[in-house]
Protein backbone atom coordinates (compact mmCIF):
# COMPACT_ATOMS: atom_id res chain seq x y z
CA MET A 1 207.59 71.66 -38.32
CA SER A 2 210.50 74.02 -37.65
CA MET A 3 213.35 73.30 -35.30
CA ASN A 4 212.32 76.22 -33.03
CA ALA A 5 208.84 74.82 -32.32
CA ARG A 6 210.47 71.73 -30.80
CA ASN A 7 213.04 73.49 -28.82
CA ASN A 8 211.37 74.46 -25.55
CA ASN A 9 214.13 76.62 -24.34
CA THR A 10 213.48 79.23 -27.07
CA THR A 11 209.60 79.16 -26.95
CA ARG A 12 209.34 79.34 -23.16
CA PRO A 13 208.18 82.69 -21.70
CA ARG A 14 210.95 84.58 -19.81
CA LYS A 15 210.50 85.93 -16.32
CA SER A 16 209.95 89.64 -16.17
CA GLY A 17 211.76 92.00 -13.91
CA ALA A 18 208.39 93.19 -12.51
CA ALA A 19 207.50 89.72 -11.56
CA LYS A 20 210.79 89.15 -9.86
CA ASN A 21 210.56 92.29 -7.78
CA ARG A 22 206.97 91.36 -6.79
CA ARG A 23 208.15 87.88 -5.58
CA GLN A 24 211.05 89.30 -3.61
CA LEU A 25 208.73 91.86 -1.99
CA GLU A 26 206.30 89.10 -1.08
CA HIS A 27 209.12 87.10 0.46
CA ARG A 28 210.29 90.09 2.47
CA ARG A 29 206.82 90.52 3.87
CA ARG A 30 206.62 86.89 4.77
CA LEU A 31 209.85 87.07 6.78
CA VAL A 32 208.60 90.17 8.70
CA ALA A 33 205.42 88.22 9.49
CA LEU A 34 207.48 85.33 10.77
CA GLY A 35 209.15 87.72 13.30
CA VAL A 36 212.37 88.88 11.63
CA PRO A 37 213.03 92.63 12.31
CA GLU A 38 212.31 94.76 9.08
CA ALA A 39 215.68 96.49 9.23
CA LYS A 40 217.41 93.08 9.15
CA VAL A 41 215.27 91.89 6.19
CA ARG A 42 216.33 95.01 4.20
CA SER A 43 219.96 94.07 4.79
CA LEU A 44 219.56 90.45 3.39
CA ASP A 45 220.32 89.46 -0.18
CA ALA A 46 217.76 87.57 -2.31
CA LYS A 47 219.47 84.23 -1.83
CA MET A 48 219.40 84.38 1.90
CA ILE A 49 215.68 85.46 1.94
CA ARG A 50 214.72 82.53 -0.33
CA SER A 51 216.67 79.99 1.95
CA MET A 52 214.89 81.35 5.05
CA ILE A 53 211.42 81.14 3.44
CA HIS A 54 212.36 77.62 2.23
CA ASP A 55 213.25 76.49 5.86
CA PRO A 56 211.87 78.76 8.51
CA ARG A 57 213.98 76.96 11.22
CA LYS A 58 216.96 78.92 9.96
CA ILE A 59 215.33 82.14 11.12
CA LYS A 60 215.80 81.20 14.79
CA VAL A 61 219.49 80.38 14.14
CA TYR A 62 220.31 83.72 12.40
CA PHE A 63 218.12 86.06 14.42
CA LYS A 64 218.02 85.26 18.20
């Protein structure tokens, strides 16, 4: 058995850019469905969007 077959870091599939964009679009749609204005969602970065999806209570804090 070669060393590469045992090393999961090199055999693991990579995330594609298209899949990442799809996930981010889905997260933005979820925030709009939760009541965040669409203009505000467009101005947020990906990290902030993920944190709000993770804990929806933060939405009330940031957008009153």
